Every structure is written in C-alpha cells, then in structure tokens.
Amino acid sequence: MITNFKQIEVLFKEINKVMHNKIKIYTIGGAVLLEQGLKVTTKDIDVVVETKNEFIELQHSLQKTGFKLQIPGKEYSRMNLSQLFQKGDFRIDLFEKKSAEDSRYQKE
C-alpha cells in the first residue's frame, strides 16, 4: 500500500533517471486522490501515456528499475489495461491513451 504521495514522487524520480527519452505521463485514480488528500492509501498507480513510443519507453524504464511485468487478470479485461508492473509495495497499471479512449467509446 502506498500511504503518501512523497513515495510516488521518489519512485518517479528513480524511473526518470533511467529514461532515454523524456515522456509525458498522466496519473489518474487513487494516486491523484492521495496527492489531493482525499484518500489515505492507494494500492496502485494508474498511469496513462499518449503514444505507443511513450508506452515502450516507460515499460523499459520500469523494468530497468526492478519492476516485473505481470499479466492482468480477467478482472481487468473491461478496463483495457495494457500492462501491470509490480515492485515490492508498488504496482503500476499502465494504459496507452488510445486504449483508454477506445474503451470509453465501446461503452457508449
């Protein structure tokens, strides 16, 4: 469990150090609520990137910092979760923006 936003900031500084190309990421969900003081813990960090190249860059950087790729279970199939990474208490759910938008339009 992640109990304060400072943990997330430290984690992303570590990831940033191994990146070859700088990318834009968006955090959504519990991490944002934690940062705003609206939630006391979160089990994961939901991250959205805009392009496939950014997705690949972040994927490689996560693996370089010790995150292990896990296959999302069936409970995530409705969310179009692209990949899930785990390292100790940290879990990052990685979405490509196109996938997230496709999911939204499929529901309408």
N, C-alpha and C. Protein backbone atom coordinates (compact mmCIF):
# COMPACT_ATOMS: atom_id res chain seq x y z
N MET A 1 0.83 -1.20 0.00
CA MET A 1 0.00 0.00 0.00
C MET A 1 0.87 1.25 0.00
N ILE A 2 0.46 2.20 -0.77
CA ILE A 2 1.15 3.49 -0.83
C ILE A 2 0.38 4.44 0.08
N THR A 3 1.10 5.02 1.05
CA THR A 3 0.41 5.81 2.07
C THR A 3 0.64 7.31 1.97
N ASN A 4 1.57 7.75 1.12
CA ASN A 4 1.70 9.20 0.92
C ASN A 4 2.27 9.48 -0.47
N PHE A 5 1.97 10.64 -0.97
CA PHE A 5 2.34 10.99 -2.34
C PHE A 5 3.85 11.14 -2.51
N LYS A 6 4.55 11.43 -1.43
CA LYS A 6 6.02 11.56 -1.50
C LYS A 6 6.64 10.25 -2.00
N GLN A 7 6.09 9.11 -1.61
CA GLN A 7 6.58 7.81 -2.08
C GLN A 7 6.50 7.73 -3.61
N ILE A 8 5.43 8.25 -4.18
CA ILE A 8 5.24 8.24 -5.63
C ILE A 8 6.24 9.17 -6.30
N GLU A 9 6.45 10.36 -5.72
CA GLU A 9 7.42 11.29 -6.28
C GLU A 9 8.82 10.68 -6.30
N VAL A 10 9.24 10.04 -5.22
CA VAL A 10 10.56 9.41 -5.15
C VAL A 10 10.67 8.31 -6.19
N LEU A 11 9.62 7.52 -6.34
CA LEU A 11 9.62 6.44 -7.32
C LEU A 11 9.80 6.98 -8.74
N PHE A 12 9.06 8.02 -9.09
CA PHE A 12 9.15 8.55 -10.45
C PHE A 12 10.48 9.27 -10.71
N LYS A 13 11.11 9.81 -9.69
CA LYS A 13 12.46 10.36 -9.86
C LYS A 13 13.44 9.25 -10.19
N GLU A 14 13.29 8.10 -9.54
CA GLU A 14 14.14 6.93 -9.82
C GLU A 14 13.93 6.45 -11.27
N ILE A 15 12.68 6.37 -11.69
CA ILE A 15 12.36 5.93 -13.05
C ILE A 15 12.91 6.94 -14.07
N ASN A 16 12.77 8.22 -13.78
CA ASN A 16 13.23 9.28 -14.67
C ASN A 16 14.73 9.18 -14.96
N LYS A 17 15.51 8.75 -13.97
CA LYS A 17 16.96 8.66 -14.13
C LYS A 17 17.38 7.66 -15.20
N VAL A 18 16.58 6.63 -15.46
CA VAL A 18 16.97 5.60 -16.42
C VAL A 18 16.33 5.78 -17.80
N MET A 19 15.51 6.79 -17.96
CA MET A 19 14.83 7.01 -19.24
C MET A 19 15.78 7.58 -20.28
N HIS A 20 15.67 7.07 -21.51
CA HIS A 20 16.45 7.61 -22.62
C HIS A 20 15.77 8.86 -23.19
N ASN A 21 14.46 8.80 -23.30
CA ASN A 21 13.67 9.92 -23.84
C ASN A 21 12.67 10.37 -22.79
N LYS A 22 12.54 11.65 -22.66
CA LYS A 22 11.55 12.18 -21.72
C LYS A 22 10.16 12.05 -22.33
N ILE A 23 9.21 11.68 -21.51
CA ILE A 23 7.84 11.49 -21.96
C ILE A 23 6.89 12.19 -21.01
N LYS A 24 5.67 12.37 -21.48
CA LYS A 24 4.59 12.91 -20.65
C LYS A 24 3.78 11.73 -20.13
N ILE A 25 3.56 11.71 -18.83
CA ILE A 25 2.67 10.70 -18.27
C ILE A 25 1.57 11.40 -17.48
N TYR A 26 0.46 10.72 -17.36
CA TYR A 26 -0.67 11.23 -16.59
C TYR A 26 -1.02 10.20 -15.54
N THR A 27 -1.10 10.65 -14.29
CA THR A 27 -1.58 9.75 -13.24
C THR A 27 -3.06 10.01 -13.04
N ILE A 28 -3.79 8.94 -12.83
CA ILE A 28 -5.23 9.03 -12.61
C ILE A 28 -5.57 8.16 -11.41
N GLY A 29 -6.78 8.23 -10.96
CA GLY A 29 -7.24 7.33 -9.92
C GLY A 29 -6.74 7.67 -8.53
N GLY A 30 -6.43 6.61 -7.77
CA GLY A 30 -6.07 6.74 -6.37
C GLY A 30 -4.86 7.61 -6.09
N ALA A 31 -3.87 7.60 -6.97
CA ALA A 31 -2.67 8.43 -6.76
C ALA A 31 -3.03 9.91 -6.73
N VAL A 32 -3.93 10.32 -7.59
CA VAL A 32 -4.37 11.72 -7.63
C VAL A 32 -5.14 12.05 -6.35
N LEU A 33 -6.02 11.16 -5.94
CA LEU A 33 -6.78 11.38 -4.71
C LEU A 33 -5.87 11.44 -3.50
N LEU A 34 -4.83 10.61 -3.49
CA LEU A 34 -3.84 10.62 -2.41
C LEU A 34 -3.12 11.96 -2.37
N GLU A 35 -2.70 12.45 -3.53
CA GLU A 35 -1.99 13.73 -3.62
C GLU A 35 -2.86 14.89 -3.15
N GLN A 36 -4.15 14.80 -3.40
CA GLN A 36 -5.07 15.87 -3.01
C GLN A 36 -5.59 15.71 -1.57
N GLY A 37 -5.15 14.67 -0.89
CA GLY A 37 -5.58 14.45 0.48
C GLY A 37 -6.99 13.90 0.61
N LEU A 38 -7.54 13.37 -0.48
CA LEU A 38 -8.90 12.84 -0.47
C LEU A 38 -8.94 11.33 -0.22
N LYS A 39 -7.76 10.74 -0.11
CA LYS A 39 -7.65 9.31 0.12
C LYS A 39 -6.40 9.09 0.96
N VAL A 40 -6.41 8.10 1.86
CA VAL A 40 -5.26 7.90 2.74
C VAL A 40 -4.28 6.84 2.23
N THR A 41 -4.71 5.97 1.34
CA THR A 41 -3.83 4.97 0.74
C THR A 41 -4.32 4.65 -0.68
N THR A 42 -3.43 4.04 -1.45
CA THR A 42 -3.83 3.52 -2.75
C THR A 42 -3.03 2.24 -2.99
N LYS A 43 -3.64 1.31 -3.67
CA LYS A 43 -2.97 0.03 -3.92
C LYS A 43 -2.13 0.06 -5.18
N ASP A 44 -2.36 1.06 -6.04
CA ASP A 44 -1.63 1.11 -7.30
C ASP A 44 -1.52 2.53 -7.81
N ILE A 45 -0.70 2.68 -8.84
CA ILE A 45 -0.56 3.96 -9.51
C ILE A 45 -1.01 3.73 -10.94
N ASP A 46 -2.10 4.37 -11.33
CA ASP A 46 -2.62 4.25 -12.69
C ASP A 46 -1.97 5.32 -13.54
N VAL A 47 -1.29 4.89 -14.61
CA VAL A 47 -0.52 5.79 -15.47
C VAL A 47 -1.02 5.67 -16.90
N VAL A 48 -1.24 6.81 -17.54
CA VAL A 48 -1.64 6.85 -18.94
C VAL A 48 -0.55 7.58 -19.72
N VAL A 49 -0.17 7.01 -20.87
CA VAL A 49 0.74 7.68 -21.79
C VAL A 49 0.00 7.87 -23.11
N GLU A 50 0.46 8.84 -23.91
CA GLU A 50 -0.28 9.18 -25.13
C GLU A 50 0.04 8.31 -26.33
N THR A 51 1.29 7.86 -26.45
CA THR A 51 1.68 7.17 -27.68
C THR A 51 2.29 5.81 -27.39
N LYS A 52 2.37 5.00 -28.42
CA LYS A 52 2.99 3.68 -28.31
C LYS A 52 4.48 3.82 -27.96
N ASN A 53 5.17 4.80 -28.55
CA ASN A 53 6.58 5.02 -28.24
C ASN A 53 6.79 5.39 -26.77
N GLU A 54 5.91 6.23 -26.22
CA GLU A 54 6.00 6.58 -24.80
C GLU A 54 5.70 5.36 -23.94
N PHE A 55 4.76 4.56 -24.37
CA PHE A 55 4.42 3.33 -23.66
C PHE A 55 5.65 2.42 -23.57
N ILE A 56 6.33 2.23 -24.69
CA ILE A 56 7.51 1.36 -24.74
C ILE A 56 8.65 1.94 -23.89
N GLU A 57 8.85 3.25 -23.98
CA GLU A 57 9.89 3.91 -23.17
C GLU A 57 9.64 3.69 -21.68
N LEU A 58 8.40 3.90 -21.24
CA LEU A 58 8.08 3.73 -19.83
C LEU A 58 8.19 2.26 -19.43
N GLN A 59 7.72 1.38 -20.27
CA GLN A 59 7.81 -0.06 -20.00
C GLN A 59 9.28 -0.46 -19.75
N HIS A 60 10.18 -0.06 -20.63
CA HIS A 60 11.60 -0.40 -20.48
C HIS A 60 12.19 0.22 -19.21
N SER A 61 11.80 1.45 -18.93
CA SER A 61 12.33 2.14 -17.75
C SER A 61 11.84 1.48 -16.47
N LEU A 62 10.61 1.05 -16.45
CA LEU A 62 10.09 0.34 -15.28
C LEU A 62 10.87 -0.95 -15.04
N GLN A 63 11.12 -1.68 -16.10
CA GLN A 63 11.85 -2.93 -15.98
C GLN A 63 13.30 -2.69 -15.53
N LYS A 64 13.92 -1.60 -15.99
CA LYS A 64 15.29 -1.27 -15.59
C LYS A 64 15.37 -0.94 -14.10
N THR A 65 14.28 -0.44 -13.53
CA THR A 65 14.29 -0.08 -12.11
C THR A 65 13.76 -1.21 -11.23
N GLY A 66 13.60 -2.39 -11.80
CA GLY A 66 13.26 -3.55 -10.98
C GLY A 66 11.80 -3.97 -10.99
N PHE A 67 10.97 -3.28 -11.76
CA PHE A 67 9.58 -3.69 -11.85
C PHE A 67 9.47 -4.96 -12.69
N LYS A 68 8.60 -5.84 -12.29
CA LYS A 68 8.35 -7.08 -13.02
C LYS A 68 6.99 -7.00 -13.70
N LEU A 69 6.97 -7.37 -14.97
CA LEU A 69 5.74 -7.38 -15.76
C LEU A 69 4.85 -8.51 -15.27
N GLN A 70 3.58 -8.20 -15.09
CA GLN A 70 2.59 -9.22 -14.73
C GLN A 70 1.45 -9.13 -15.73
N ILE A 71 0.87 -10.25 -16.02
CA ILE A 71 -0.28 -10.29 -16.92
C ILE A 71 -1.53 -9.94 -16.12
N PRO A 72 -2.28 -8.93 -16.57
CA PRO A 72 -3.51 -8.57 -15.86
C PRO A 72 -4.51 -9.73 -15.86
N GLY A 73 -5.18 -9.92 -14.74
CA GLY A 73 -6.20 -10.96 -14.63
C GLY A 73 -7.48 -10.59 -15.35
N LYS A 74 -8.41 -11.52 -15.39
CA LYS A 74 -9.68 -11.30 -16.09
C LYS A 74 -10.46 -10.12 -15.51
N GLU A 75 -10.25 -9.84 -14.22
CA GLU A 75 -10.98 -8.73 -13.60
C GLU A 75 -10.62 -7.38 -14.21
N TYR A 76 -9.51 -7.33 -14.96
CA TYR A 76 -9.09 -6.09 -15.60
C TYR A 76 -9.47 -6.02 -17.08
N SER A 77 -10.08 -7.05 -17.62
CA SER A 77 -10.36 -7.10 -19.06
C SER A 77 -11.28 -5.97 -19.51
N ARG A 78 -12.20 -5.55 -18.71
CA ARG A 78 -13.13 -4.49 -19.10
C ARG A 78 -12.47 -3.11 -19.12
N MET A 79 -11.29 -3.00 -18.52
CA MET A 79 -10.61 -1.71 -18.42
C MET A 79 -9.59 -1.48 -19.53
N ASN A 80 -9.35 -2.47 -20.38
CA ASN A 80 -8.31 -2.37 -21.40
C ASN A 80 -6.96 -2.00 -20.81
N LEU A 81 -6.68 -2.57 -19.64
CA LEU A 81 -5.38 -2.36 -19.01
C LEU A 81 -4.32 -2.99 -19.89
N SER A 82 -3.36 -2.21 -20.31
CA SER A 82 -2.34 -2.71 -21.21
C SER A 82 -1.33 -3.59 -20.49
N GLN A 83 -0.78 -3.10 -19.39
CA GLN A 83 0.19 -3.88 -18.64
C GLN A 83 0.17 -3.48 -17.18
N LEU A 84 0.64 -4.40 -16.37
CA LEU A 84 0.68 -4.22 -14.94
C LEU A 84 2.11 -4.55 -14.49
N PHE A 85 2.72 -3.68 -13.69
CA PHE A 85 4.08 -3.88 -13.21
C PHE A 85 4.09 -3.86 -11.69
N GLN A 86 4.89 -4.74 -11.10
CA GLN A 86 4.96 -4.85 -9.64
C GLN A 86 6.41 -4.78 -9.18
N LYS A 87 6.63 -4.02 -8.11
CA LYS A 87 7.94 -3.95 -7.45
C LYS A 87 7.67 -3.69 -5.98
N GLY A 88 7.84 -4.70 -5.15
CA GLY A 88 7.57 -4.53 -3.73
C GLY A 88 6.13 -4.08 -3.50
N ASP A 89 5.96 -2.99 -2.76
CA ASP A 89 4.63 -2.46 -2.47
C ASP A 89 4.05 -1.64 -3.62
N PHE A 90 4.85 -1.38 -4.64
CA PHE A 90 4.39 -0.54 -5.74
C PHE A 90 3.84 -1.39 -6.89
N ARG A 91 2.67 -1.00 -7.35
CA ARG A 91 2.11 -1.59 -8.56
C ARG A 91 1.72 -0.45 -9.48
N ILE A 92 2.16 -0.55 -10.73
CA ILE A 92 1.82 0.46 -11.73
C ILE A 92 0.97 -0.19 -12.79
N ASP A 93 -0.22 0.36 -13.00
CA ASP A 93 -1.11 -0.08 -14.07
C ASP A 93 -0.90 0.89 -15.22
N LEU A 94 -0.43 0.37 -16.35
CA LEU A 94 -0.02 1.22 -17.47
C LEU A 94 -1.03 1.13 -18.61
N PHE A 95 -1.53 2.28 -19.01
CA PHE A 95 -2.50 2.39 -20.09
C PHE A 95 -1.94 3.27 -21.20
N GLU A 96 -2.23 2.89 -22.43
CA GLU A 96 -1.95 3.78 -23.55
C GLU A 96 -3.23 4.55 -23.81
N LYS A 97 -3.13 5.87 -24.01
CA LYS A 97 -4.31 6.73 -24.15
C LYS A 97 -5.30 6.20 -25.18
N LYS A 98 -4.83 5.75 -26.30
CA LYS A 98 -5.71 5.23 -27.34
C LYS A 98 -6.57 4.09 -26.81
N SER A 99 -5.97 3.20 -26.03
CA SER A 99 -6.72 2.07 -25.45
C SER A 99 -7.79 2.57 -24.49
N ALA A 100 -7.44 3.55 -23.67
CA ALA A 100 -8.41 4.09 -22.72
C ALA A 100 -9.57 4.75 -23.45
N GLU A 101 -9.27 5.50 -24.52
CA GLU A 101 -10.34 6.15 -25.29
C GLU A 101 -11.20 5.12 -26.01
N ASP A 102 -10.57 4.10 -26.59
CA ASP A 102 -11.32 3.04 -27.26
C ASP A 102 -12.30 2.39 -26.30
N SER A 103 -11.86 2.16 -25.07
CA SER A 103 -12.69 1.53 -24.05
C SER A 103 -13.92 2.40 -23.76
N ARG A 104 -13.71 3.72 -23.66
CA ARG A 104 -14.81 4.64 -23.38
C ARG A 104 -15.84 4.60 -24.50
N TYR A 105 -15.39 4.59 -25.74
CA TYR A 105 -16.31 4.61 -26.86
C TYR A 105 -17.05 3.29 -27.02
N GLN A 106 -16.45 2.20 -26.62
CA GLN A 106 -17.11 0.90 -26.72
C GLN A 106 -18.31 0.83 -25.78
N LYS A 107 -18.27 1.59 -24.69
CA LYS A 107 -19.35 1.54 -23.71
C LYS A 107 -20.55 2.38 -24.11
N GLU A 108 -20.34 3.35 -24.98
CA GLU A 108 -21.44 4.27 -25.35
C GLU A 108 -22.39 3.63 -26.34
